[in-house]
Amino acid sequence: MLRHAPLLALCALGPIACSVDPHRSPVCGMALLVGPRLILEQISTAHSLLSEPPRGLPAMLPARIVGGSDSTFVRVSSERDRVMLDYQGGKLPVVTVDSATRRDSTVFGVLLVDDSTATAEGVLIFDRPRPPAEYPQIGRLSDGERSVPFYGARLNWANVSNPRCPLLGKPVKS
C-alpha cells in the first residue's frame, strides 16, 4: 500500500541509515514516529481489529510507550476470556479524566499481531484519546496502580517495523 511507503522509504536507505543506535539515528527516530501513526490508521478500520485475544501468547511481550525512547516488556496472564498485561516499565502515562463522564479518556494499549504469521509482536502504548467505545477491548493493561484498556490489531508487521529500526526495541529475552 502506498500509505506505508514513508516508513519503508526511511529504512530503505540501507545500512547507513538504520544500522546505528536507534536512539541516535534521525532516520530511525522518524521510523519510531511514523510506525505508530500507521498503526492508528490501520486500527481505524474494523477488519484489522481483533474481537478476542489470540491464543498461545507468550509469557512476556516487548512493549513501548509511543514517543518514549526505552522499550520494556509486559507480563501476560489470562483472566476468563480477557488477557491481562502487567506493564514492567514503571508507571503508565498519566490519564486524562473526561470532566463530563468522570472516566479516563486517554492511554490505551494495542497488541500488535502480524497478519502473515499470526505472531504477537508486542504492545504499543498510546497516550492520546482512546478509540471509540464500540471498539472491542481484548483485555486490560496495568502498571500495578491503575489499568487501561487494550485492543488487538492484525497488521503487516514488515510495513510498520524494520529490523534495523525495530518499533518495539530489542527483542525480549524470556
Protein backbone atom coordinates (compact mmCIF):
# COMPACT_ATOMS: atom_id res chain seq x y z
CA MET A 1 0.00 0.00 0.00
CA LEU A 2 1.19 3.48 -0.72
CA ARG A 3 0.42 4.84 2.74
CA HIS A 4 3.13 2.58 4.18
CA ALA A 5 5.75 3.98 1.84
CA PRO A 6 7.13 6.62 4.27
CA LEU A 7 8.37 4.03 6.77
CA LEU A 8 9.72 1.76 4.08
CA ALA A 9 11.49 4.68 2.43
CA LEU A 10 13.11 5.75 5.70
CA CYS A 11 14.87 2.45 6.21
CA ALA A 12 15.32 1.61 2.52
CA LEU A 13 18.38 3.83 2.53
CA GLY A 14 20.23 0.74 3.68
CA PRO A 15 22.69 0.00 6.43
CA ILE A 16 23.93 3.58 6.68
CA ALA A 17 20.52 4.96 7.63
CA CYS A 18 19.35 2.45 10.19
CA SER A 19 22.30 0.41 11.39
CA VAL A 20 23.34 2.93 14.05
CA ASP A 21 21.88 3.07 17.54
CA PRO A 22 18.14 3.88 17.05
CA HIS A 23 18.36 6.36 19.92
CA ARG A 24 20.82 8.43 17.87
CA SER A 25 19.69 7.98 14.28
CA PRO A 26 17.34 10.64 12.90
CA VAL A 27 16.08 8.17 10.30
CA CYS A 28 15.23 5.55 12.91
CA GLY A 29 13.73 8.25 15.11
CA MET A 30 11.38 9.15 12.27
CA ALA A 31 10.51 5.47 11.83
CA LEU A 32 9.52 5.34 15.51
CA LEU A 33 7.09 8.20 14.87
CA VAL A 34 5.71 7.02 11.53
CA GLY A 35 5.12 3.37 12.57
CA PRO A 36 2.66 4.18 15.40
CA ARG A 37 0.81 6.62 13.13
CA LEU A 38 0.37 3.89 10.51
CA ILE A 39 -0.92 1.54 13.22
CA LEU A 40 -3.51 4.11 14.33
CA GLU A 41 -4.67 4.41 10.72
CA GLN A 42 -4.97 0.64 10.43
CA ILE A 43 -6.98 0.19 13.63
CA SER A 44 -9.48 2.75 12.40
CA THR A 45 -10.77 0.05 10.05
CA ALA A 46 -12.80 -2.77 11.59
CA HIS A 47 -11.15 -5.57 9.59
CA SER A 48 -7.81 -5.13 11.37
CA LEU A 49 -9.24 -5.22 14.92
CA LEU A 50 -9.26 -8.42 16.94
CA SER A 51 -12.53 -9.25 18.64
CA GLU A 52 -10.90 -11.70 21.03
CA PRO A 53 -7.39 -12.30 22.33
CA PRO A 54 -5.16 -14.53 20.21
CA ARG A 55 -4.34 -17.96 21.61
CA GLY A 56 -0.89 -19.02 22.67
CA LEU A 57 0.51 -15.67 23.79
CA PRO A 58 4.00 -15.93 25.31
CA ALA A 59 4.54 -15.13 29.00
CA MET A 60 6.28 -11.86 28.07
CA LEU A 61 6.00 -9.45 25.16
CA PRO A 62 8.01 -6.35 24.27
CA ALA A 63 6.27 -3.04 24.97
CA ARG A 64 6.94 0.60 24.28
CA ILE A 65 5.17 3.85 25.07
CA VAL A 66 4.82 5.76 21.80
CA GLY A 67 7.28 8.62 21.79
CA GLY A 68 9.36 7.06 24.56
CA SER A 69 12.97 6.17 23.99
CA ASP A 70 13.05 2.99 26.03
CA SER A 71 11.30 -0.26 25.41
CA THR A 72 10.39 -2.69 28.14
CA PHE A 73 8.02 -5.62 28.38
CA VAL A 74 4.67 -6.78 29.69
CA ARG A 75 3.94 -9.99 31.55
CA VAL A 76 0.97 -11.80 30.05
CA SER A 77 -1.72 -13.61 32.02
CA SER A 78 -5.32 -14.63 31.37
CA GLU A 79 -8.50 -13.98 33.27
CA ARG A 80 -11.56 -15.69 31.82
CA ASP A 81 -11.81 -14.53 28.19
CA ARG A 82 -9.57 -11.49 28.73
CA VAL A 83 -5.83 -11.02 28.63
CA MET A 84 -4.17 -9.13 31.46
CA LEU A 85 -0.90 -7.34 30.72
CA ASP A 86 1.33 -6.26 33.60
CA TYR A 87 3.49 -3.36 32.41
CA GLN A 88 7.08 -3.72 33.65
CA GLY A 89 8.35 -0.27 32.65
CA GLY A 90 7.35 1.76 35.67
CA LYS A 91 4.21 3.85 35.51
CA LEU A 92 1.91 4.27 32.55
CA PRO A 93 1.42 7.84 31.31
CA VAL A 94 -0.97 9.91 33.40
CA VAL A 95 -4.51 9.50 32.15
CA THR A 96 -6.79 12.43 31.49
CA VAL A 97 -10.22 12.30 33.09
CA ASP A 98 -13.14 13.44 30.96
CA SER A 99 -14.94 16.08 33.05
CA ALA A 100 -18.39 15.11 31.73
CA THR A 101 -18.18 11.35 32.32
CA ARG A 102 -15.54 11.33 35.08
CA ARG A 103 -13.86 8.43 33.26
CA ASP A 104 -10.33 8.03 31.95
CA SER A 105 -10.23 9.20 28.37
CA THR A 106 -6.62 8.67 27.32
CA VAL A 107 -3.92 6.00 27.42
CA PHE A 108 -4.54 2.60 25.88
CA GLY A 109 -2.52 -0.30 24.57
CA VAL A 110 -2.60 -2.14 21.27
CA LEU A 111 -1.46 -5.74 20.95
CA LEU A 112 0.24 -5.98 17.55
CA VAL A 113 -0.26 -9.25 15.67
CA ASP A 114 1.49 -9.92 12.36
CA ASP A 115 -1.26 -10.87 9.91
CA SER A 116 1.01 -13.11 7.83
CA THR A 117 2.24 -15.31 10.70
CA ALA A 118 -0.41 -14.71 13.41
CA THR A 119 2.50 -13.92 15.76
CA ALA A 120 2.01 -11.45 18.59
CA GLU A 121 4.88 -8.98 18.12
CA GLY A 122 4.32 -6.82 21.20
CA VAL A 123 2.37 -3.94 22.69
CA LEU A 124 2.39 -0.24 21.85
CA ILE A 125 1.04 2.12 24.50
CA PHE A 126 -0.58 5.30 23.22
CA ASP A 127 -1.11 8.49 25.21
CA ARG A 128 -3.91 10.03 23.17
CA PRO A 129 -7.73 9.92 23.03
CA ARG A 130 -8.95 6.34 23.13
CA PRO A 131 -10.69 4.60 20.25
CA PRO A 132 -14.49 4.71 20.16
CA ALA A 133 -16.37 2.74 22.83
CA GLU A 134 -17.60 0.21 20.25
CA TYR A 135 -14.05 -1.00 19.52
CA PRO A 136 -13.62 -4.49 21.01
CA GLN A 137 -11.33 -4.49 24.03
CA ILE A 138 -9.44 -7.73 24.48
CA GLY A 139 -8.10 -7.04 27.94
CA ARG A 140 -6.53 -4.66 30.41
CA LEU A 141 -3.02 -3.24 30.73
CA SER A 142 -1.91 -2.44 34.28
CA ASP A 143 1.09 -0.82 35.95
CA GLY A 144 0.13 -2.03 39.44
CA GLU A 145 -1.73 1.14 40.40
CA ARG A 146 -4.21 1.54 37.56
CA SER A 147 -5.29 -0.24 34.46
CA VAL A 148 -6.27 0.90 30.99
CA PRO A 149 -7.94 -0.96 28.11
CA PHE A 150 -6.05 -2.58 25.32
CA TYR A 151 -7.10 -3.63 21.88
CA GLY A 152 -5.70 -6.07 19.37
CA ALA A 153 -4.80 -5.37 15.75
CA ARG A 154 -3.74 -7.55 12.83
CA LEU A 155 -1.28 -5.73 10.62
CA ASN A 156 1.52 -6.24 8.17
CA TRP A 157 4.44 -6.11 10.60
CA ALA A 158 7.02 -5.51 7.88
CA ASN A 159 5.19 -2.29 6.93
CA VAL A 160 5.43 -0.78 10.41
CA SER A 161 8.69 -2.13 11.83
CA ASN A 162 12.04 -2.59 10.15
CA PRO A 163 14.65 -4.94 11.71
CA ARG A 164 17.20 -2.11 11.57
CA CYS A 165 14.79 0.30 13.26
CA PRO A 166 12.67 -2.00 15.47
CA LEU A 167 9.44 -0.38 16.55
CA LEU A 168 9.44 -2.19 19.88
CA GLY A 169 13.18 -2.08 20.51
CA LYS A 170 15.39 -5.06 21.13
CA PRO A 171 13.70 -8.46 21.44
CA VAL A 172 12.72 -9.52 24.97
CA LYS A 173 14.70 -12.41 26.44
CA SER A 174 12.41 -14.92 28.12
